[in-house]
Amino acid sequence: MRITKNNSSSLKTHWDYLTKELTQQFSDGDVLNLDSIIYLIGVQELGQGKKAFKKDEKINLMHIAICKLLEPYGYYEFDFFDKDGWPHYKIVTDLPNLKPGEQAVLMKEAIIHYFEDLNFFK
């Protein structure tokens, strides 16, 4: 299901709930933002547990998350795991040119779908 203007209130309701719950679980009080949640998804998808990551690894974790989140939309496809267990994706279709606000909506929508698939909202 793609969230459209007609159900954008559903997106907001789910997003507010998700940020509240994740903030309680993973933050010391500061509300997690979009980038923080993408980072958490990257850590989850890597599957190596909680550990200290270097700056370049953090960027790679966010890339993993973005690929995973946009895979159902047909933009990326899982390719392989490298020798260190990091997933790699290949581009299937170039992302459309979106304004920053449109990018944020797309990512929030993809994140909501990711957590729906995990039965997070039940």
PDB file of N, CA and C in Angstrom:
ATOM      1  N   MET A   1       0.833  -1.181   0.000  1.00  0.00           N
ATOM      2  CA  MET A   1       0.000   0.000   0.000  1.00  0.00           C
ATOM      3  C   MET A   1       0.875   1.240   0.000  1.00  0.00           C
ATOM      4  N   ARG A   2       0.653   2.117  -0.933  1.00  0.00           N
ATOM      5  CA  ARG A   2       1.354   3.391  -0.944  1.00  0.00           C
ATOM      6  C   ARG A   2       0.512   4.398  -0.201  1.00  0.00           C
ATOM      7  N   ILE A   3       1.151   5.155   0.638  1.00  0.00           N
ATOM      8  CA  ILE A   3       0.433   6.174   1.389  1.00  0.00           C
ATOM      9  C   ILE A   3       0.318   7.397   0.489  1.00  0.00           C
ATOM     10  N   THR A   4      -0.885   7.867   0.288  1.00  0.00           N
ATOM     11  CA  THR A   4      -1.141   9.014  -0.572  1.00  0.00           C
ATOM     12  C   THR A   4      -1.628  10.173   0.278  1.00  0.00           C
ATOM     13  N   LYS A   5      -1.930  11.284  -0.378  1.00  0.00           N
ATOM     14  CA  LYS A   5      -2.440  12.440   0.362  1.00  0.00           C
ATOM     15  C   LYS A   5      -3.717  12.080   1.111  1.00  0.00           C
ATOM     16  N   ASN A   6      -4.510  11.170   0.557  1.00  0.00           N
ATOM     17  CA  ASN A   6      -5.759  10.779   1.202  1.00  0.00           C
ATOM     18  C   ASN A   6      -5.511  10.068   2.526  1.00  0.00           C
ATOM     19  N   ASN A   7      -4.402   9.368   2.642  1.00  0.00           N
ATOM     20  CA  ASN A   7      -4.140   8.680   3.906  1.00  0.00           C
ATOM     21  C   ASN A   7      -2.846   9.168   4.554  1.00  0.00           C
ATOM     22  N   SER A   8      -2.494  10.434   4.274  1.00  0.00           N
ATOM     23  CA  SER A   8      -1.290  10.998   4.882  1.00  0.00           C
ATOM     24  C   SER A   8      -1.436  11.128   6.392  1.00  0.00           C
ATOM     25  N   SER A   9      -2.694  11.231   6.883  1.00  0.00           N
ATOM     26  CA  SER A   9      -2.871  11.272   8.335  1.00  0.00           C
ATOM     27  C   SER A   9      -2.499   9.922   8.944  1.00  0.00           C
ATOM     28  N   SER A  10      -2.725   8.834   8.189  1.00  0.00           N
ATOM     29  CA  SER A  10      -2.308   7.512   8.647  1.00  0.00           C
ATOM     30  C   SER A  10      -0.790   7.446   8.745  1.00  0.00           C
ATOM     31  N   LEU A  11      -0.105   8.014   7.755  1.00  0.00           N
ATOM     32  CA  LEU A  11       1.360   8.079   7.787  1.00  0.00           C
ATOM     33  C   LEU A  11       1.815   8.839   9.025  1.00  0.00           C
ATOM     34  N   LYS A  12       1.224   9.990   9.280  1.00  0.00           N
ATOM     35  CA  LYS A  12       1.610  10.791  10.440  1.00  0.00           C
ATOM     36  C   LYS A  12       1.345  10.039  11.740  1.00  0.00           C
ATOM     37  N   THR A  13       0.188   9.399  11.842  1.00  0.00           N
ATOM     38  CA  THR A  13      -0.155   8.650  13.055  1.00  0.00           C
ATOM     39  C   THR A  13       0.849   7.517  13.283  1.00  0.00           C
ATOM     40  N   HIS A  14       1.129   6.743  12.248  1.00  0.00           N
ATOM     41  CA  HIS A  14       2.091   5.646  12.368  1.00  0.00           C
ATOM     42  C   HIS A  14       3.493   6.185  12.671  1.00  0.00           C
ATOM     43  N   TRP A  15       3.886   7.261  11.993  1.00  0.00           N
ATOM     44  CA  TRP A  15       5.226   7.832  12.191  1.00  0.00           C
ATOM     45  C   TRP A  15       5.381   8.320  13.638  1.00  0.00           C
ATOM     46  N   ASP A  16       4.376   9.028  14.141  1.00  0.00           N
ATOM     47  CA  ASP A  16       4.453   9.533  15.512  1.00  0.00           C
ATOM     48  C   ASP A  16       4.567   8.386  16.517  1.00  0.00           C
ATOM     49  N   TYR A  17       3.788   7.342  16.314  1.00  0.00           N
ATOM     50  CA  TYR A  17       3.836   6.174  17.197  1.00  0.00           C
ATOM     51  C   TYR A  17       5.214   5.503  17.118  1.00  0.00           C
ATOM     52  N   LEU A  18       5.700   5.319  15.894  1.00  0.00           N
ATOM     53  CA  LEU A  18       6.990   4.661  15.686  1.00  0.00           C
ATOM     54  C   LEU A  18       8.124   5.442  16.337  1.00  0.00           C
ATOM     55  N   THR A  19       8.167   6.751  16.117  1.00  0.00           N
ATOM     56  CA  THR A  19       9.251   7.545  16.707  1.00  0.00           C
ATOM     57  C   THR A  19       9.174   7.543  18.228  1.00  0.00           C
ATOM     58  N   LYS A  20       7.965   7.578  18.766  1.00  0.00           N
ATOM     59  CA  LYS A  20       7.794   7.525  20.227  1.00  0.00           C
ATOM     60  C   LYS A  20       8.332   6.211  20.783  1.00  0.00           C
ATOM     61  N   GLU A  21       7.930   5.096  20.182  1.00  0.00           N
ATOM     62  CA  GLU A  21       8.352   3.782  20.664  1.00  0.00           C
ATOM     63  C   GLU A  21       9.859   3.569  20.508  1.00  0.00           C
ATOM     64  N   LEU A  22      10.394   3.917  19.347  1.00  0.00           N
ATOM     65  CA  LEU A  22      11.835   3.726  19.125  1.00  0.00           C
ATOM     66  C   LEU A  22      12.660   4.650  20.005  1.00  0.00           C
ATOM     67  N   THR A  23      12.171   5.856  20.228  1.00  0.00           N
ATOM     68  CA  THR A  23      12.867   6.791  21.116  1.00  0.00           C
ATOM     69  C   THR A  23      12.943   6.216  22.526  1.00  0.00           C
ATOM     70  N   GLN A  24      11.837   5.628  22.987  1.00  0.00           N
ATOM     71  CA  GLN A  24      11.830   5.032  24.331  1.00  0.00           C
ATOM     72  C   GLN A  24      12.814   3.867  24.421  1.00  0.00           C
ATOM     73  N   GLN A  25      12.956   3.108  23.336  1.00  0.00           N
ATOM     74  CA  GLN A  25      13.821   1.930  23.354  1.00  0.00           C
ATOM     75  C   GLN A  25      15.298   2.248  23.129  1.00  0.00           C
ATOM     76  N   PHE A  26      15.588   3.266  22.306  1.00  0.00           N
ATOM     77  CA  PHE A  26      16.962   3.441  21.837  1.00  0.00           C
ATOM     78  C   PHE A  26      17.573   4.810  22.101  1.00  0.00           C
ATOM     79  N   SER A  27      16.871   5.699  22.770  1.00  0.00           N
ATOM     80  CA  SER A  27      17.395   7.052  22.961  1.00  0.00           C
ATOM     81  C   SER A  27      17.399   7.417  24.438  1.00  0.00           C
ATOM     82  N   ASP A  28      18.231   8.372  24.745  1.00  0.00           N
ATOM     83  CA  ASP A  28      18.292   8.871  26.117  1.00  0.00           C
ATOM     84  C   ASP A  28      17.371  10.070  26.309  1.00  0.00           C
ATOM     85  N   GLY A  29      16.342  10.168  25.486  1.00  0.00           N
ATOM     86  CA  GLY A  29      15.378  11.243  25.656  1.00  0.00           C
ATOM     87  C   GLY A  29      15.158  12.084  24.417  1.00  0.00           C
ATOM     88  N   ASP A  30      16.202  12.276  23.606  1.00  0.00           N
ATOM     89  CA  ASP A  30      16.026  13.031  22.379  1.00  0.00           C
ATOM     90  C   ASP A  30      15.221  12.199  21.396  1.00  0.00           C
ATOM     91  N   VAL A  31      14.196  12.805  20.812  1.00  0.00           N
ATOM     92  CA  VAL A  31      13.350  12.095  19.865  1.00  0.00           C
ATOM     93  C   VAL A  31      14.185  11.714  18.639  1.00  0.00           C
ATOM     94  N   LEU A  32      14.100  10.453  18.254  1.00  0.00           N
ATOM     95  CA  LEU A  32      14.843   9.986  17.090  1.00  0.00           C
ATOM     96  C   LEU A  32      14.285  10.628  15.824  1.00  0.00           C
ATOM     97  N   ASN A  33      15.192  11.048  14.948  1.00  0.00           N
ATOM     98  CA  ASN A  33      14.765  11.637  13.687  1.00  0.00           C
ATOM     99  C   ASN A  33      14.858  10.590  12.574  1.00  0.00           C
ATOM    100  N   LEU A  34      14.533  11.001  11.375  1.00  0.00           N
ATOM    101  CA  LEU A  34      14.513  10.098  10.232  1.00  0.00           C
ATOM    102  C   LEU A  34      15.864   9.407  10.039  1.00  0.00           C
ATOM    103  N   ASP A  35      16.949  10.167  10.084  1.00  0.00           N
ATOM    104  CA  ASP A  35      18.275   9.582   9.890  1.00  0.00           C
ATOM    105  C   ASP A  35      18.613   8.566  10.982  1.00  0.00           C
ATOM    106  N   SER A  36      18.238   8.861  12.204  1.00  0.00           N
ATOM    107  CA  SER A  36      18.500   7.933  13.320  1.00  0.00           C
ATOM    108  C   SER A  36      17.771   6.621  13.123  1.00  0.00           C
ATOM    109  N   ILE A  37      16.540   6.699  12.644  1.00  0.00           N
ATOM    110  CA  ILE A  37      15.756   5.487  12.433  1.00  0.00           C
ATOM    111  C   ILE A  37      16.325   4.692  11.257  1.00  0.00           C
ATOM    112  N   ILE A  38      16.757   5.383  10.225  1.00  0.00           N
ATOM    113  CA  ILE A  38      17.401   4.699   9.097  1.00  0.00           C
ATOM    114  C   ILE A  38      18.662   3.982   9.583  1.00  0.00           C
ATOM    115  N   TYR A  39      19.436   4.633  10.429  1.00  0.00           N
ATOM    116  CA  TYR A  39      20.637   4.022  10.990  1.00  0.00           C
ATOM    117  C   TYR A  39      20.281   2.748  11.778  1.00  0.00           C
ATOM    118  N   LEU A  40      19.245   2.827  12.622  1.00  0.00           N
ATOM    119  CA  LEU A  40      18.826   1.660  13.401  1.00  0.00           C
ATOM    120  C   LEU A  40      18.417   0.498  12.497  1.00  0.00           C
ATOM    121  N   ILE A  41      17.735   0.811  11.412  1.00  0.00           N
ATOM    122  CA  ILE A  41      17.339  -0.229  10.460  1.00  0.00           C
ATOM    123  C   ILE A  41      18.574  -0.855   9.832  1.00  0.00           C
ATOM    124  N   GLY A  42      19.574  -0.040   9.517  1.00  0.00           N
ATOM    125  CA  GLY A  42      20.823  -0.560   8.965  1.00  0.00           C
ATOM    126  C   GLY A  42      21.505  -1.513   9.924  1.00  0.00           C
ATOM    127  N   VAL A  43      21.539  -1.156  11.200  1.00  0.00           N
ATOM    128  CA  VAL A  43      22.132  -2.035  12.217  1.00  0.00           C
ATOM    129  C   VAL A  43      21.351  -3.345  12.278  1.00  0.00           C
ATOM    130  N   GLN A  44      20.025  -3.244  12.255  1.00  0.00           N
ATOM    131  CA  GLN A  44      19.168  -4.437  12.284  1.00  0.00           C
ATOM    132  C   GLN A  44      19.439  -5.318  11.073  1.00  0.00           C
ATOM    133  N   GLU A  45      19.525  -4.719   9.901  1.00  0.00           N
ATOM    134  CA  GLU A  45      19.717  -5.491   8.681  1.00  0.00           C
ATOM    135  C   GLU A  45      21.109  -6.112   8.606  1.00  0.00           C
ATOM    136  N   LEU A  46      22.091  -5.458   9.183  1.00  0.00           N
ATOM    137  CA  LEU A  46      23.438  -6.037   9.226  1.00  0.00           C
ATOM    138  C   LEU A  46      23.438  -7.284  10.100  1.00  0.00           C
ATOM    139  N   GLY A  47      22.696  -7.212  11.203  1.00  0.00           N
ATOM    140  CA  GLY A  47      22.523  -8.387  12.045  1.00  0.00           C
ATOM    141  C   GLY A  47      23.731  -8.780  12.879  1.00  0.00           C
ATOM    142  N   GLN A  48      24.606  -7.844  13.157  1.00  0.00           N
ATOM    143  CA  GLN A  48      25.789  -8.152  13.962  1.00  0.00           C
ATOM    144  C   GLN A  48      25.678  -7.620  15.385  1.00  0.00           C
ATOM    145  N   GLY A  49      24.487  -7.175  15.762  1.00  0.00           N
ATOM    146  CA  GLY A  49      24.264  -6.706  17.122  1.00  0.00           C
ATOM    147  C   GLY A  49      24.809  -5.313  17.368  1.00  0.00           C
ATOM    148  N   LYS A  50      24.671  -4.901  18.614  1.00  0.00           N
ATOM    149  CA  LYS A  50      25.110  -3.573  19.017  1.00  0.00           C
ATOM    150  C   LYS A  50      26.619  -3.566  19.190  1.00  0.00           C
ATOM    151  N   LYS A  51      27.265  -2.636  18.510  1.00  0.00           N
ATOM    152  CA  LYS A  51      28.706  -2.455  18.664  1.00  0.00           C
ATOM    153  C   LYS A  51      29.060  -1.062  18.199  1.00  0.00           C
ATOM    154  N   ALA A  52      30.269  -0.667  18.438  1.00  0.00           N
ATOM    155  CA  ALA A  52      30.727   0.650  18.000  1.00  0.00           C
ATOM    156  C   ALA A  52      31.108   0.566  16.520  1.00  0.00           C
ATOM    157  N   PHE A  53      30.550   1.466  15.736  1.00  0.00           N
ATOM    158  CA  PHE A  53      30.852   1.508  14.309  1.00  0.00           C
ATOM    159  C   PHE A  53      31.663   2.752  14.000  1.00  0.00           C
ATOM    160  N   LYS A  54      32.579   2.612  13.055  1.00  0.00           N
ATOM    161  CA  LYS A  54      33.353   3.748  12.576  1.00  0.00           C
ATOM    162  C   LYS A  54      32.451   4.620  11.710  1.00  0.00           C
ATOM    163  N   LYS A  55      32.904   5.860  11.458  1.00  0.00           N
ATOM    164  CA  LYS A  55      32.101   6.805  10.687  1.00  0.00           C
ATOM    165  C   LYS A  55      31.718   6.240   9.314  1.00  0.00           C
ATOM    166  N   ASP A  56      32.668   5.643   8.596  1.00  0.00           N
ATOM    167  CA  ASP A  56      32.355   5.113   7.269  1.00  0.00           C
ATOM    168  C   ASP A  56      31.407   3.924   7.355  1.00  0.00           C
ATOM    169  N   GLU A  57      31.496   3.161   8.439  1.00  0.00           N
ATOM    170  CA  GLU A  57      30.571   2.045   8.629  1.00  0.00           C
ATOM    171  C   GLU A  57      29.154   2.557   8.897  1.00  0.00           C
ATOM    172  N   LYS A  58      29.042   3.659   9.641  1.00  0.00           N
ATOM    173  CA  LYS A  58      27.729   4.246   9.900  1.00  0.00           C
ATOM    174  C   LYS A  58      27.073   4.694   8.599  1.00  0.00           C
ATOM    175  N   ILE A  59      27.847   5.269   7.718  1.00  0.00           N
ATOM    176  CA  ILE A  59      27.329   5.686   6.406  1.00  0.00           C
ATOM    177  C   ILE A  59      26.889   4.456   5.619  1.00  0.00           C
ATOM    178  N   ASN A  60      27.695   3.407   5.670  1.00  0.00           N
ATOM    179  CA  ASN A  60      27.336   2.162   4.973  1.00  0.00           C
ATOM    180  C   ASN A  60      26.076   1.530   5.567  1.00  0.00           C
ATOM    181  N   LEU A  61      25.907   1.629   6.887  1.00  0.00           N
ATOM    182  CA  LEU A  61      24.698   1.102   7.524  1.00  0.00           C
ATOM    183  C   LEU A  61      23.458   1.845   7.029  1.00  0.00           C
ATOM    184  N   MET A  62      23.580   3.152   6.878  1.00  0.00           N
ATOM    185  CA  MET A  62      22.447   3.927   6.373  1.00  0.00           C
ATOM    186  C   MET A  62      22.155   3.556   4.919  1.00  0.00           C
ATOM    187  N   HIS A  63      23.201   3.297   4.150  1.00  0.00           N
ATOM    188  CA  HIS A  63      23.006   2.873   2.759  1.00  0.00           C
ATOM    189  C   HIS A  63      22.294   1.520   2.697  1.00  0.00           C
ATOM    190  N   ILE A  64      22.710   0.599   3.545  1.00  0.00           N
ATOM    191  CA  ILE A  64      22.053  -0.713   3.616  1.00  0.00           C
ATOM    192  C   ILE A  64      20.565  -0.526   3.914  1.00  0.00           C
ATOM    193  N   ALA A  65      20.266   0.317   4.889  1.00  0.00           N
ATOM    194  CA  ALA A  65      18.868   0.542   5.269  1.00  0.00           C
ATOM    195  C   ALA A  65      18.071   1.142   4.119  1.00  0.00           C
ATOM    196  N   ILE A  66      18.632   2.133   3.462  1.00  0.00           N
ATOM    197  CA  ILE A  66      17.924   2.773   2.354  1.00  0.00           C
ATOM    198  C   ILE A  66      17.657   1.766   1.247  1.00  0.00           C
ATOM    199  N   CYS A  67      18.643   0.952   0.930  1.00  0.00           N
ATOM    200  CA  CYS A  67      18.441  -0.084  -0.101  1.00  0.00           C
ATOM    201  C   CYS A  67      17.347  -1.050   0.318  1.00  0.00           C
ATOM    202  N   LYS A  68      17.394  -1.499   1.559  1.00  0.00           N
ATOM    203  CA  LYS A  68      16.387  -2.439   2.062  1.00  0.00           C
ATOM    204  C   LYS A  68      14.998  -1.810   2.038  1.00  0.00           C
ATOM    205  N   LEU A  69      14.913  -0.564   2.463  1.00  0.00           N
ATOM    206  CA  LEU A  69      13.630   0.123   2.523  1.00  0.00           C
ATOM    207  C   LEU A  69      13.030   0.359   1.139  1.00  0.00           C
ATOM    208  N   LEU A  70      13.883   0.620   0.158  1.00  0.00           N
ATOM    209  CA  LEU A  70      13.393   0.939  -1.181  1.00  0.00           C
ATOM    210  C   LEU A  70      13.343  -0.269  -2.106  1.00  0.00           C
ATOM    211  N   GLU A  71      13.793  -1.415  -1.613  1.00  0.00           N
ATOM    212  CA  GLU A  71      13.734  -2.648  -2.405  1.00  0.00           C
ATOM    213  C   GLU A  71      12.301  -2.995  -2.825  1.00  0.00           C
ATOM    214  N   PRO A  72      11.302  -2.916  -1.914  1.00  0.00           N
ATOM    215  CA  PRO A  72       9.930  -3.251  -2.333  1.00  0.00           C
ATOM    216  C   PRO A  72       9.359  -2.302  -3.391  1.00  0.00           C
ATOM    217  N   TYR A  73       9.960  -1.134  -3.533  1.00  0.00           N
ATOM    218  CA  TYR A  73       9.509  -0.162  -4.522  1.00  0.00           C
ATOM    219  C   TYR A  73      10.164  -0.394  -5.886  1.00  0.00           C
ATOM    220  N   GLY A  74      11.077  -1.373  -5.949  1.00  0.00           N
ATOM    221  CA  GLY A  74      11.709  -1.718  -7.211  1.00  0.00           C
ATOM    222  C   GLY A  74      12.957  -0.927  -7.545  1.00  0.00           C
ATOM    223  N   TYR A  75      13.496  -0.183  -6.578  1.00  0.00           N
ATOM    224  CA  TYR A  75      14.689   0.624  -6.844  1.00  0.00           C
ATOM    225  C   TYR A  75      15.988  -0.159  -6.624  1.00  0.00           C
ATOM    226  N   TYR A  76      15.974  -1.070  -5.678  1.00  0.00           N
ATOM    227  CA  TYR A  76      17.164  -1.867  -5.359  1.00  0.00           C
ATOM    228  C   TYR A  76      16.798  -3.337  -5.295  1.00  0.00           C
ATOM    229  N   GLU A  77      17.821  -4.168  -5.429  1.00  0.00           N
ATOM    230  CA  GLU A  77      17.652  -5.612  -5.301  1.00  0.00           C
ATOM    231  C   GLU A  77      18.856  -6.151  -4.547  1.00  0.00           C
ATOM    232  N   PHE A  78      18.578  -7.026  -3.571  1.00  0.00           N
ATOM    233  CA  PHE A  78      19.678  -7.645  -2.831  1.00  0.00           C
ATOM    234  C   PHE A  78      20.576  -8.394  -3.808  1.00  0.00           C
ATOM    235  N   ASP A  79      21.891  -8.272  -3.604  1.00  0.00           N
ATOM    236  CA  ASP A  79      22.853  -8.914  -4.503  1.00  0.00           C
ATOM    237  C   ASP A  79      23.613 -10.034  -3.792  1.00  0.00           C
ATOM    238  N   PHE A  80      24.316  -9.707  -2.689  1.00  0.00           N
ATOM    239  CA  PHE A  80      25.106 -10.724  -1.996  1.00  0.00           C
ATOM    240  C   PHE A  80      25.571 -10.201  -0.646  1.00  0.00           C
ATOM    241  N   PHE A  81      26.060 -11.109   0.185  1.00  0.00           N
ATOM    242  CA  PHE A  81      26.752 -10.754   1.424  1.00  0.00           C
ATOM    243  C   PHE A  81      28.247 -10.857   1.165  1.00  0.00           C
ATOM    244  N   ASP A  82      29.006  -9.871   1.614  1.00  0.00           N
ATOM    245  CA  ASP A  82      30.454  -9.956   1.448  1.00  0.00           C
ATOM    246  C   ASP A  82      31.058 -10.857   2.531  1.00  0.00           C
ATOM    247  N   LYS A  83      32.374 -11.013   2.510  1.00  0.00           N
ATOM    248  CA  LYS A  83      33.047 -11.932   3.433  1.00  0.00           C
ATOM    249  C   LYS A  83      32.890 -11.527   4.898  1.00  0.00           C
ATOM    250  N   ASP A  84      32.572 -10.244   5.148  1.00  0.00           N
ATOM    251  CA  ASP A  84      32.365  -9.764   6.508  1.00  0.00           C
ATOM    252  C   ASP A  84      30.894  -9.789   6.926  1.00  0.00           C
ATOM    253  N   GLY A  85      30.039 -10.309   6.042  1.00  0.00           N
ATOM    254  CA  GLY A  85      28.626 -10.424   6.361  1.00  0.00           C
ATOM    255  C   GLY A  85      27.797  -9.187   6.055  1.00  0.00           C
ATOM    256  N   TRP A  86      28.373  -8.208   5.350  1.00  0.00           N
ATOM    257  CA  TRP A  86      27.639  -7.003   5.007  1.00  0.00           C
ATOM    258  C   TRP A  86      26.842  -7.241   3.726  1.00  0.00           C
ATOM    259  N   PRO A  87      25.541  -6.895   3.740  1.00  0.00           N
ATOM    260  CA  PRO A  87      24.732  -7.071   2.533  1.00  0.00           C
ATOM    261  C   PRO A  87      25.055  -6.012   1.483  1.00  0.00           C
ATOM    262  N   HIS A  88      24.955  -6.416   0.235  1.00  0.00           N
ATOM    263  CA  HIS A  88      25.166  -5.496  -0.889  1.00  0.00           C
ATOM    264  C   HIS A  88      23.952  -5.565  -1.793  1.00  0.00           C
ATOM    265  N   TYR A  89      23.591  -4.425  -2.317  1.00  0.00           N
ATOM    266  CA  TYR A  89      22.435  -4.300  -3.201  1.00  0.00           C
ATOM    267  C   TYR A  89      22.885  -3.724  -4.530  1.00  0.00           C
ATOM    268  N   LYS A  90      22.095  -4.009  -5.552  1.00  0.00           N
ATOM    269  CA  LYS A  90      22.356  -3.389  -6.848  1.00  0.00           C
ATOM    270  C   LYS A  90      21.160  -2.528  -7.202  1.00  0.00           C
ATOM    271  N   ILE A  91      21.430  -1.481  -7.961  1.00  0.00           N
ATOM    272  CA  ILE A  91      20.371  -0.581  -8.408  1.00  0.00           C
ATOM    273  C   ILE A  91      19.609  -1.257  -9.535  1.00  0.00           C
ATOM    274  N   VAL A  92      18.288  -1.270  -9.409  1.00  0.00           N
ATOM    275  CA  VAL A  92      17.429  -1.828 -10.446  1.00  0.00           C
ATOM    276  C   VAL A  92      16.861  -0.702 -11.300  1.00  0.00           C
ATOM    277  N   THR A  93      16.385   0.337 -10.640  1.00  0.00           N
ATOM    278  CA  THR A  93      15.810   1.503 -11.300  1.00  0.00           C
ATOM    279  C   THR A  93      16.300   2.741 -10.575  1.00  0.00           C
ATOM    280  N   ASP A  94      16.678   3.745 -11.342  1.00  0.00           N
ATOM    281  CA  ASP A  94      17.113   4.995 -10.714  1.00  0.00           C
ATOM    282  C   ASP A  94      15.958   5.631  -9.958  1.00  0.00           C
ATOM    283  N   LEU A  95      16.288   6.229  -8.830  1.00  0.00           N
ATOM    284  CA  LEU A  95      15.289   6.952  -8.058  1.00  0.00           C
ATOM    285  C   LEU A  95      14.833   8.174  -8.851  1.00  0.00           C
ATOM    286  N   PRO A  96      13.571   8.529  -8.736  1.00  0.00           N
ATOM    287  CA  PRO A  96      13.105   9.738  -9.412  1.00  0.00           C
ATOM    288  C   PRO A  96      13.674  10.977  -8.721  1.00  0.00           C
ATOM    289  N   ASN A  97      13.716  12.071  -9.448  1.00  0.00           N
ATOM    290  CA  ASN A  97      14.132  13.333  -8.837  1.00  0.00           C
ATOM    291  C   ASN A  97      12.999  13.818  -7.954  1.00  0.00           C
ATOM    292  N   LEU A  98      13.263  13.859  -6.654  1.00  0.00           N
ATOM    293  CA  LEU A  98      12.261  14.280  -5.687  1.00  0.00           C
ATOM    294  C   LEU A  98      12.767  15.485  -4.921  1.00  0.00           C
ATOM    295  N   LYS A  99      11.853  16.348  -4.552  1.00  0.00           N
ATOM    296  CA  LYS A  99      12.197  17.462  -3.677  1.00  0.00           C
ATOM    297  C   LYS A  99      12.491  16.883  -2.292  1.00  0.00           C
ATOM    298  N   PRO A 100      13.267  17.614  -1.470  1.00  0.00           N
ATOM    299  CA  PRO A 100      13.600  17.086  -0.139  1.00  0.00           C
ATOM    300  C   PRO A 100      12.384  16.646   0.682  1.00  0.00           C
ATOM    301  N   GLY A 101      11.303  17.390   0.658  1.00  0.00           N
ATOM    302  CA  GLY A 101      10.104  17.000   1.398  1.00  0.00           C
ATOM    303  C   GLY A 101       9.504  15.715   0.862  1.00  0.00           C
ATOM    304  N   GLU A 102       9.544  15.544  -0.462  1.00  0.00           N
ATOM    305  CA  GLU A 102       9.026  14.325  -1.075  1.00  0.00           C
ATOM    306  C   GLU A 102       9.903  13.128  -0.726  1.00  0.00           C
ATOM    307  N   GLN A 103      11.218  13.352  -0.650  1.00  0.00           N
ATOM    308  CA  GLN A 103      12.143  12.285  -0.251  1.00  0.00           C
ATOM    309  C   GLN A 103      11.820  11.821   1.168  1.00  0.00           C
ATOM    310  N   ALA A 104      11.583  12.777   2.051  1.00  0.00           N
ATOM    311  CA  ALA A 104      11.284  12.444   3.448  1.00  0.00           C
ATOM    312  C   ALA A 104       9.992  11.638   3.538  1.00  0.00           C
ATOM    313  N   VAL A 105       8.976  12.021   2.763  1.00  0.00           N
ATOM    314  CA  VAL A 105       7.702  11.292   2.789  1.00  0.00           C
ATOM    315  C   VAL A 105       7.910   9.872   2.278  1.00  0.00           C
ATOM    316  N   LEU A 106       8.658   9.721   1.177  1.00  0.00           N
ATOM    317  CA  LEU A 106       8.927   8.392   0.630  1.00  0.00           C
ATOM    318  C   LEU A 106       9.644   7.520   1.660  1.00  0.00           C
ATOM    319  N   MET A 107      10.655   8.076   2.325  1.00  0.00           N
ATOM    320  CA  MET A 107      11.407   7.297   3.301  1.00  0.00           C
ATOM    321  C   MET A 107      10.537   6.950   4.517  1.00  0.00           C
ATOM    322  N   LYS A 108       9.743   7.888   4.983  1.00  0.00           N
ATOM    323  CA  LYS A 108       8.861   7.594   6.116  1.00  0.00           C
ATOM    324  C   LYS A 108       7.867   6.505   5.743  1.00  0.00           C
ATOM    325  N   GLU A 109       7.311   6.600   4.546  1.00  0.00           N
ATOM    326  CA  GLU A 109       6.378   5.584   4.069  1.00  0.00           C
ATOM    327  C   GLU A 109       7.061   4.218   4.013  1.00  0.00           C
ATOM    328  N   ALA A 110       8.267   4.179   3.482  1.00  0.00           N
ATOM    329  CA  ALA A 110       9.010   2.916   3.382  1.00  0.00           C
ATOM    330  C   ALA A 110       9.334   2.362   4.770  1.00  0.00           C
ATOM    331  N   ILE A 111       9.662   3.231   5.697  1.00  0.00           N
ATOM    332  CA  ILE A 111       9.961   2.800   7.071  1.00  0.00           C
ATOM    333  C   ILE A 111       8.706   2.235   7.728  1.00  0.00           C
ATOM    334  N   ILE A 112       7.580   2.889   7.546  1.00  0.00           N
ATOM    335  CA  ILE A 112       6.320   2.382   8.104  1.00  0.00           C
ATOM    336  C   ILE A 112       6.042   0.984   7.547  1.00  0.00           C
ATOM    337  N   HIS A 113       6.213   0.803   6.234  1.00  0.00           N
ATOM    338  CA  HIS A 113       5.992  -0.516   5.629  1.00  0.00           C
ATOM    339  C   HIS A 113       6.972  -1.553   6.178  1.00  0.00           C
ATOM    340  N   TYR A 114       8.223  -1.151   6.374  1.00  0.00           N
ATOM    341  CA  TYR A 114       9.233  -2.052   6.944  1.00  0.00           C
ATOM    342  C   TYR A 114       8.762  -2.553   8.314  1.00  0.00           C
ATOM    343  N   PHE A 115       8.304  -1.636   9.163  1.00  0.00           N
ATOM    344  CA  PHE A 115       7.870  -2.017  10.502  1.00  0.00           C
ATOM    345  C   PHE A 115       6.523  -2.735  10.484  1.00  0.00           C
ATOM    346  N   GLU A 116       5.670  -2.438   9.516  1.00  0.00           N
ATOM    347  CA  GLU A 116       4.432  -3.200   9.361  1.00  0.00           C
ATOM    348  C   GLU A 116       4.759  -4.663   9.058  1.00  0.00           C
ATOM    349  N   ASP A 117       5.751  -4.880   8.200  1.00  0.00           N
ATOM    350  CA  ASP A 117       6.152  -6.250   7.857  1.00  0.00           C
ATOM    351  C   ASP A 117       6.693  -6.997   9.068  1.00  0.00           C
ATOM    352  N   LEU A 118       7.172  -6.267  10.064  1.00  0.00           N
ATOM    353  CA  LEU A 118       7.667  -6.870  11.309  1.00  0.00           C
ATOM    354  C   LEU A 118       6.571  -6.970  12.370  1.00  0.00           C
ATOM    355  N   ASN A 119       5.341  -6.637  11.978  1.00  0.00           N
ATOM    356  CA  ASN A 119       4.191  -6.629  12.895  1.00  0.00           C
ATOM    357  C   ASN A 119       4.394  -5.723  14.095  1.00  0.00           C
ATOM    358  N   PHE A 120       5.084  -4.633  13.886  1.00  0.00           N
ATOM    359  CA  PHE A 120       5.400  -3.685  14.949  1.00  0.00           C
ATOM    360  C   PHE A 120       4.152  -2.966  15.462  1.00  0.00           C
ATOM    361  N   PHE A 121       3.181  -2.740  14.615  1.00  0.00           N
ATOM    362  CA  PHE A 121       2.022  -1.935  14.969  1.00  0.00           C
ATOM    363  C   PHE A 121       0.861  -2.744  15.537  1.00  0.00           C
ATOM    364  N   LYS A 122       1.062  -4.031  15.783  1.00  0.00           N
ATOM    365  CA  LYS A 122      -0.035  -4.867  16.290  1.00  0.00           C
ATOM    366  C   LYS A 122      -0.045  -4.931  17.778  1.00  0.00           C
TER     367      LYS A 122
END
